[in-house]
Structures are given as C-alpha cells and as structure tokens.
Amino acid sequence: MPEGEDILDYFDATYVNGRFRNVLRNGINILCRTPPRFPPCDWNMFDATVNNTQRTNNQCEGWNNRFTH
C-alpha cells in the first residue's frame, strides 16, 4: 500500500510526532524531531469522550447548525 504511506507520513509529521530535521551538535550531525504543528493534546477528543465532557464549543455548533437548518 505505497499510496497510503504518503498520507500517513504527512499525518504523523503534522499531527503526531513532528518532522525530522538535522541538527549539528559538537560537530556531529544528529537527526531530531521538531514538535508537531498540531499536537494530539489540541485535537484528540478521546478523554473528553470517555469522561462524557464537551467535545466542541458553541461557536462550532452554531456554524455547523447553519448547514442542517
């Protein structure tokens, strides 16, 4: 499934683990990860679902309701 690898790599780099970059430390080139642009704590709703707490806000609900009414 090579065509799926591109989207998985993008999702991993953007939302989960961040991108790799080369860092020079003491004359040694080291491969490090940068923080993801949107870390899981910003978008993951697992705990909110398990604890039956809010998973959205009123602004989002109002915007979405415009499509259903």
PDB file of N, CA and C in Angstrom:
ATOM      1  N   MET A   1       0.832  -1.181   0.000  1.00  0.00           N
ATOM      2  CA  MET A   1       0.000   0.000   0.000  1.00  0.00           C
ATOM      3  C   MET A   1       0.880   1.250   0.000  1.00  0.00           C
ATOM      4  N   PRO A   2       1.742   1.419  -0.986  1.00  0.00           N
ATOM      5  CA  PRO A   2       2.628   2.585  -1.028  1.00  0.00           C
ATOM      6  C   PRO A   2       1.881   3.908  -1.149  1.00  0.00           C
ATOM      7  N   GLU A   3       0.711   3.933  -1.805  1.00  0.00           N
ATOM      8  CA  GLU A   3      -0.004   5.200  -1.959  1.00  0.00           C
ATOM      9  C   GLU A   3      -0.533   5.714  -0.621  1.00  0.00           C
ATOM     10  N   GLY A   4      -0.732   4.841   0.339  1.00  0.00           N
ATOM     11  CA  GLY A   4      -1.193   5.256   1.659  1.00  0.00           C
ATOM     12  C   GLY A   4      -0.073   5.777   2.548  1.00  0.00           C
ATOM     13  N   GLU A   5       1.150   5.433   2.223  1.00  0.00           N
ATOM     14  CA  GLU A   5       2.278   5.851   3.058  1.00  0.00           C
ATOM     15  C   GLU A   5       2.469   7.363   3.061  1.00  0.00           C
ATOM     16  N   ASP A   6       2.215   8.006   1.939  1.00  0.00           N
ATOM     17  CA  ASP A   6       2.377   9.465   1.869  1.00  0.00           C
ATOM     18  C   ASP A   6       1.439  10.175   2.833  1.00  0.00           C
ATOM     19  N   ILE A   7       0.181   9.769   2.866  1.00  0.00           N
ATOM     20  CA  ILE A   7      -0.778  10.421   3.759  1.00  0.00           C
ATOM     21  C   ILE A   7      -0.469  10.086   5.215  1.00  0.00           C
ATOM     22  N   LEU A   8      -0.021   8.872   5.480  1.00  0.00           N
ATOM     23  CA  LEU A   8       0.354   8.518   6.852  1.00  0.00           C
ATOM     24  C   LEU A   8       1.572   9.305   7.310  1.00  0.00           C
ATOM     25  N   ASP A   9       2.552   9.469   6.436  1.00  0.00           N
ATOM     26  CA  ASP A   9       3.734  10.270   6.779  1.00  0.00           C
ATOM     27  C   ASP A   9       3.351  11.722   7.057  1.00  0.00           C
ATOM     28  N   TYR A  10       2.463  12.269   6.225  1.00  0.00           N
ATOM     29  CA  TYR A  10       2.004  13.648   6.431  1.00  0.00           C
ATOM     30  C   TYR A  10       1.278  13.781   7.769  1.00  0.00           C
ATOM     31  N   PHE A  11       0.353  12.870   8.053  1.00  0.00           N
ATOM     32  CA  PHE A  11      -0.405  12.919   9.308  1.00  0.00           C
ATOM     33  C   PHE A  11       0.529  12.799  10.501  1.00  0.00           C
ATOM     34  N   ASP A  12       1.478  11.880  10.429  1.00  0.00           N
ATOM     35  CA  ASP A  12       2.439  11.691  11.516  1.00  0.00           C
ATOM     36  C   ASP A  12       3.271  12.949  11.741  1.00  0.00           C
ATOM     37  N   ALA A  13       3.751  13.550  10.668  1.00  0.00           N
ATOM     38  CA  ALA A  13       4.608  14.731  10.790  1.00  0.00           C
ATOM     39  C   ALA A  13       3.834  15.963  11.248  1.00  0.00           C
ATOM     40  N   THR A  14       2.580  16.088  10.841  1.00  0.00           N
ATOM     41  CA  THR A  14       1.804  17.289  11.140  1.00  0.00           C
ATOM     42  C   THR A  14       1.049  17.196  12.454  1.00  0.00           C
ATOM     43  N   TYR A  15       0.541  16.026  12.792  1.00  0.00           N
ATOM     44  CA  TYR A  15      -0.362  15.904  13.932  1.00  0.00           C
ATOM     45  C   TYR A  15       0.142  15.038  15.079  1.00  0.00           C
ATOM     46  N   VAL A  16       1.138  14.206  14.883  1.00  0.00           N
ATOM     47  CA  VAL A  16       1.507  13.252  15.931  1.00  0.00           C
ATOM     48  C   VAL A  16       2.928  13.466  16.445  1.00  0.00           C
ATOM     49  N   ASN A  17       3.928  13.199  15.642  1.00  0.00           N
ATOM     50  CA  ASN A  17       5.314  13.205  16.121  1.00  0.00           C
ATOM     51  C   ASN A  17       6.169  14.370  15.645  1.00  0.00           C
ATOM     52  N   GLY A  18       5.752  15.094  14.627  1.00  0.00           N
ATOM     53  CA  GLY A  18       6.569  16.179  14.092  1.00  0.00           C
ATOM     54  C   GLY A  18       7.494  15.698  12.989  1.00  0.00           C
ATOM     55  N   ARG A  19       8.201  16.638  12.390  1.00  0.00           N
ATOM     56  CA  ARG A  19       9.104  16.335  11.273  1.00  0.00           C
ATOM     57  C   ARG A  19      10.529  16.098  11.778  1.00  0.00           C
ATOM     58  N   PHE A  20      11.288  15.380  10.971  1.00  0.00           N
ATOM     59  CA  PHE A  20      12.705  15.193  11.255  1.00  0.00           C
ATOM     60  C   PHE A  20      13.489  16.381  10.722  1.00  0.00           C
ATOM     61  N   ARG A  21      14.571  16.723  11.403  1.00  0.00           N
ATOM     62  CA  ARG A  21      15.499  17.740  10.907  1.00  0.00           C
ATOM     63  C   ARG A  21      16.894  17.392  11.395  1.00  0.00           C
ATOM     64  N   ASN A  22      17.881  17.850  10.650  1.00  0.00           N
ATOM     65  CA  ASN A  22      19.274  17.632  11.025  1.00  0.00           C
ATOM     66  C   ASN A  22      19.735  18.741  11.951  1.00  0.00           C
ATOM     67  N   VAL A  23      20.400  18.360  13.034  1.00  0.00           N
ATOM     68  CA  VAL A  23      20.942  19.320  13.996  1.00  0.00           C
ATOM     69  C   VAL A  23      22.421  19.008  14.171  1.00  0.00           C
ATOM     70  N   LEU A  24      23.244  20.035  14.116  1.00  0.00           N
ATOM     71  CA  LEU A  24      24.681  19.866  14.293  1.00  0.00           C
ATOM     72  C   LEU A  24      25.033  20.151  15.752  1.00  0.00           C
ATOM     73  N   ARG A  25      25.515  19.121  16.455  1.00  0.00           N
ATOM     74  CA  ARG A  25      25.920  19.269  17.859  1.00  0.00           C
ATOM     75  C   ARG A  25      27.338  18.748  18.030  1.00  0.00           C
ATOM     76  N   ASN A  26      28.203  19.619  18.492  1.00  0.00           N
ATOM     77  CA  ASN A  26      29.609  19.258  18.706  1.00  0.00           C
ATOM     78  C   ASN A  26      30.237  18.644  17.460  1.00  0.00           C
ATOM     79  N   GLY A  27      29.881  19.180  16.307  1.00  0.00           N
ATOM     80  CA  GLY A  27      30.444  18.688  15.058  1.00  0.00           C
ATOM     81  C   GLY A  27      29.833  17.391  14.568  1.00  0.00           C
ATOM     82  N   ILE A  28      28.803  16.900  15.245  1.00  0.00           N
ATOM     83  CA  ILE A  28      28.140  15.652  14.853  1.00  0.00           C
ATOM     84  C   ILE A  28      26.734  15.990  14.362  1.00  0.00           C
ATOM     85  N   ASN A  29      26.384  15.446  13.214  1.00  0.00           N
ATOM     86  CA  ASN A  29      25.062  15.661  12.646  1.00  0.00           C
ATOM     87  C   ASN A  29      24.082  14.683  13.291  1.00  0.00           C
ATOM     88  N   ILE A  30      23.059  15.208  13.964  1.00  0.00           N
ATOM     89  CA  ILE A  30      22.083  14.383  14.677  1.00  0.00           C
ATOM     90  C   ILE A  30      20.707  14.616  14.062  1.00  0.00           C
ATOM     91  N   LEU A  31      19.950  13.542  13.898  1.00  0.00           N
ATOM     92  CA  LEU A  31      18.591  13.619  13.380  1.00  0.00           C
ATOM     93  C   LEU A  31      17.631  13.765  14.555  1.00  0.00           C
ATOM     94  N   CYS A  32      16.875  14.871  14.599  1.00  0.00           N
ATOM     95  CA  CYS A  32      15.933  15.145  15.694  1.00  0.00           C
ATOM     96  C   CYS A  32      14.550  15.411  15.112  1.00  0.00           C
ATOM     97  N   ARG A  33      13.549  15.263  15.951  1.00  0.00           N
ATOM     98  CA  ARG A  33      12.183  15.602  15.546  1.00  0.00           C
ATOM     99  C   ARG A  33      11.823  16.987  16.052  1.00  0.00           C
ATOM    100  N   THR A  34      11.117  17.748  15.227  1.00  0.00           N
ATOM    101  CA  THR A  34      10.560  19.022  15.667  1.00  0.00           C
ATOM    102  C   THR A  34       9.166  18.736  16.227  1.00  0.00           C
ATOM    103  N   PRO A  35       8.646  19.581  17.095  1.00  0.00           N
ATOM    104  CA  PRO A  35       7.292  19.350  17.610  1.00  0.00           C
ATOM    105  C   PRO A  35       6.269  19.405  16.473  1.00  0.00           C
ATOM    106  N   PRO A  36       5.203  18.616  16.567  1.00  0.00           N
ATOM    107  CA  PRO A  36       4.178  18.671  15.523  1.00  0.00           C
ATOM    108  C   PRO A  36       3.470  20.018  15.518  1.00  0.00           C
ATOM    109  N   ARG A  37       2.987  20.421  14.372  1.00  0.00           N
ATOM    110  CA  ARG A  37       2.276  21.696  14.245  1.00  0.00           C
ATOM    111  C   ARG A  37       0.985  21.685  15.064  1.00  0.00           C
ATOM    112  N   PHE A  38       0.284  20.567  15.076  1.00  0.00           N
ATOM    113  CA  PHE A  38      -0.952  20.411  15.834  1.00  0.00           C
ATOM    114  C   PHE A  38      -0.810  19.175  16.716  1.00  0.00           C
ATOM    115  N   PRO A  39      -0.281  19.316  17.936  1.00  0.00           N
ATOM    116  CA  PRO A  39      -0.056  18.146  18.785  1.00  0.00           C
ATOM    117  C   PRO A  39      -1.365  17.481  19.204  1.00  0.00           C
ATOM    118  N   PRO A  40      -1.315  16.187  19.534  1.00  0.00           N
ATOM    119  CA  PRO A  40      -2.525  15.454  19.903  1.00  0.00           C
ATOM    120  C   PRO A  40      -3.333  16.104  21.026  1.00  0.00           C
ATOM    121  N   CYS A  41      -2.682  16.777  21.961  1.00  0.00           N
ATOM    122  CA  CYS A  41      -3.446  17.400  23.050  1.00  0.00           C
ATOM    123  C   CYS A  41      -4.386  18.480  22.528  1.00  0.00           C
ATOM    124  N   ASP A  42      -4.127  19.029  21.334  1.00  0.00           N
ATOM    125  CA  ASP A  42      -5.001  20.050  20.748  1.00  0.00           C
ATOM    126  C   ASP A  42      -6.215  19.461  20.043  1.00  0.00           C
ATOM    127  N   TRP A  43      -6.104  18.259  19.494  1.00  0.00           N
ATOM    128  CA  TRP A  43      -7.185  17.737  18.666  1.00  0.00           C
ATOM    129  C   TRP A  43      -7.765  16.406  19.129  1.00  0.00           C
ATOM    130  N   ASN A  44      -7.087  15.695  20.017  1.00  0.00           N
ATOM    131  CA  ASN A  44      -7.561  14.388  20.435  1.00  0.00           C
ATOM    132  C   ASN A  44      -8.708  14.533  21.430  1.00  0.00           C
ATOM    133  N   MET A  45      -9.836  13.928  21.144  1.00  0.00           N
ATOM    134  CA  MET A  45     -11.026  14.039  21.986  1.00  0.00           C
ATOM    135  C   MET A  45     -11.333  12.742  22.734  1.00  0.00           C
ATOM    136  N   PHE A  46     -10.365  11.841  22.838  1.00  0.00           N
ATOM    137  CA  PHE A  46     -10.604  10.561  23.498  1.00  0.00           C
ATOM    138  C   PHE A  46     -11.018  10.749  24.951  1.00  0.00           C
ATOM    139  N   ASP A  47     -10.237  11.514  25.721  1.00  0.00           N
ATOM    140  CA  ASP A  47     -10.560  11.711  27.139  1.00  0.00           C
ATOM    141  C   ASP A  47     -11.903  12.406  27.316  1.00  0.00           C
ATOM    142  N   ALA A  48     -12.197  13.391  26.485  1.00  0.00           N
ATOM    143  CA  ALA A  48     -13.482  14.084  26.582  1.00  0.00           C
ATOM    144  C   ALA A  48     -14.637  13.131  26.300  1.00  0.00           C
ATOM    145  N   THR A  49     -14.451  12.221  25.366  1.00  0.00           N
ATOM    146  CA  THR A  49     -15.496  11.257  25.051  1.00  0.00           C
ATOM    147  C   THR A  49     -15.680  10.268  26.192  1.00  0.00           C
ATOM    148  N   VAL A  50     -14.595   9.743  26.708  1.00  0.00           N
ATOM    149  CA  VAL A  50     -14.671   8.771  27.807  1.00  0.00           C
ATOM    150  C   VAL A  50     -15.289   9.403  29.053  1.00  0.00           C
ATOM    151  N   ASN A  51     -14.944  10.662  29.329  1.00  0.00           N
ATOM    152  CA  ASN A  51     -15.445  11.348  30.521  1.00  0.00           C
ATOM    153  C   ASN A  51     -16.782  12.045  30.288  1.00  0.00           C
ATOM    154  N   ASN A  52     -17.338  11.906  29.093  1.00  0.00           N
ATOM    155  CA  ASN A  52     -18.627  12.495  28.739  1.00  0.00           C
ATOM    156  C   ASN A  52     -18.638  14.009  28.973  1.00  0.00           C
ATOM    157  N   THR A  53     -17.555  14.684  28.579  1.00  0.00           N
ATOM    158  CA  THR A  53     -17.477  16.139  28.682  1.00  0.00           C
ATOM    159  C   THR A  53     -17.585  16.740  27.284  1.00  0.00           C
ATOM    160  N   GLN A  54     -17.615  18.066  27.204  1.00  0.00           N
ATOM    161  CA  GLN A  54     -17.789  18.738  25.919  1.00  0.00           C
ATOM    162  C   GLN A  54     -16.634  18.442  24.964  1.00  0.00           C
ATOM    163  N   ARG A  55     -17.004  18.219  23.706  1.00  0.00           N
ATOM    164  CA  ARG A  55     -16.005  17.982  22.672  1.00  0.00           C
ATOM    165  C   ARG A  55     -15.992  19.103  21.646  1.00  0.00           C
ATOM    166  N   THR A  56     -16.788  20.106  21.848  1.00  0.00           N
ATOM    167  CA  THR A  56     -16.865  21.235  20.920  1.00  0.00           C
ATOM    168  C   THR A  56     -17.234  22.478  21.711  1.00  0.00           C
ATOM    169  N   ASN A  57     -17.400  23.586  21.034  1.00  0.00           N
ATOM    170  CA  ASN A  57     -17.843  24.800  21.713  1.00  0.00           C
ATOM    171  C   ASN A  57     -19.050  25.374  20.979  1.00  0.00           C
ATOM    172  N   ASN A  58     -19.676  26.361  21.552  1.00  0.00           N
ATOM    173  CA  ASN A  58     -20.890  26.925  20.965  1.00  0.00           C
ATOM    174  C   ASN A  58     -20.644  27.554  19.602  1.00  0.00           C
ATOM    175  N   GLN A  59     -19.478  28.148  19.387  1.00  0.00           N
ATOM    176  CA  GLN A  59     -19.189  28.738  18.079  1.00  0.00           C
ATOM    177  C   GLN A  59     -19.185  27.674  16.990  1.00  0.00           C
ATOM    178  N   CYS A  60     -18.565  26.554  17.272  1.00  0.00           N
ATOM    179  CA  CYS A  60     -18.529  25.467  16.282  1.00  0.00           C
ATOM    180  C   CYS A  60     -19.926  24.906  16.053  1.00  0.00           C
ATOM    181  N   GLU A  61     -20.681  24.726  17.110  1.00  0.00           N
ATOM    182  CA  GLU A  61     -22.034  24.194  16.980  1.00  0.00           C
ATOM    183  C   GLU A  61     -22.899  25.121  16.138  1.00  0.00           C
ATOM    184  N   GLY A  62     -22.836  26.423  16.399  1.00  0.00           N
ATOM    185  CA  GLY A  62     -23.631  27.374  15.635  1.00  0.00           C
ATOM    186  C   GLY A  62     -23.268  27.368  14.163  1.00  0.00           C
ATOM    187  N   TRP A  63     -21.980  27.293  13.872  1.00  0.00           N
ATOM    188  CA  TRP A  63     -21.529  27.264  12.487  1.00  0.00           C
ATOM    189  C   TRP A  63     -22.023  26.002  11.791  1.00  0.00           C
ATOM    190  N   ASN A  64     -21.924  24.858  12.460  1.00  0.00           N
ATOM    191  CA  ASN A  64     -22.364  23.593  11.876  1.00  0.00           C
ATOM    192  C   ASN A  64     -23.879  23.532  11.731  1.00  0.00           C
ATOM    193  N   ASN A  65     -24.611  24.125  12.661  1.00  0.00           N
ATOM    194  CA  ASN A  65     -26.074  24.081  12.597  1.00  0.00           C
ATOM    195  C   ASN A  65     -26.622  24.839  11.397  1.00  0.00           C
ATOM    196  N   ARG A  66     -25.882  25.799  10.875  1.00  0.00           N
ATOM    197  CA  ARG A  66     -26.349  26.528   9.695  1.00  0.00           C
ATOM    198  C   ARG A  66     -26.547  25.596   8.500  1.00  0.00           C
ATOM    199  N   PHE A  67     -25.820  24.509   8.467  1.00  0.00           N
ATOM    200  CA  PHE A  67     -25.937  23.580   7.345  1.00  0.00           C
ATOM    201  C   PHE A  67     -27.126  22.642   7.485  1.00  0.00           C
ATOM    202  N   THR A  68     -27.615  22.448   8.693  1.00  0.00           N
ATOM    203  CA  THR A  68     -28.690  21.477   8.898  1.00  0.00           C
ATOM    204  C   THR A  68     -30.069  22.122   8.927  1.00  0.00           C
ATOM    205  N   HIS A  69     -30.149  23.439   9.067  1.00  0.00           N
ATOM    206  CA  HIS A  69     -31.468  24.097   9.164  1.00  0.00           C
ATOM    207  C   HIS A  69     -31.708  24.993   7.982  1.00  0.00           C
TER     208      HIS A  69
END
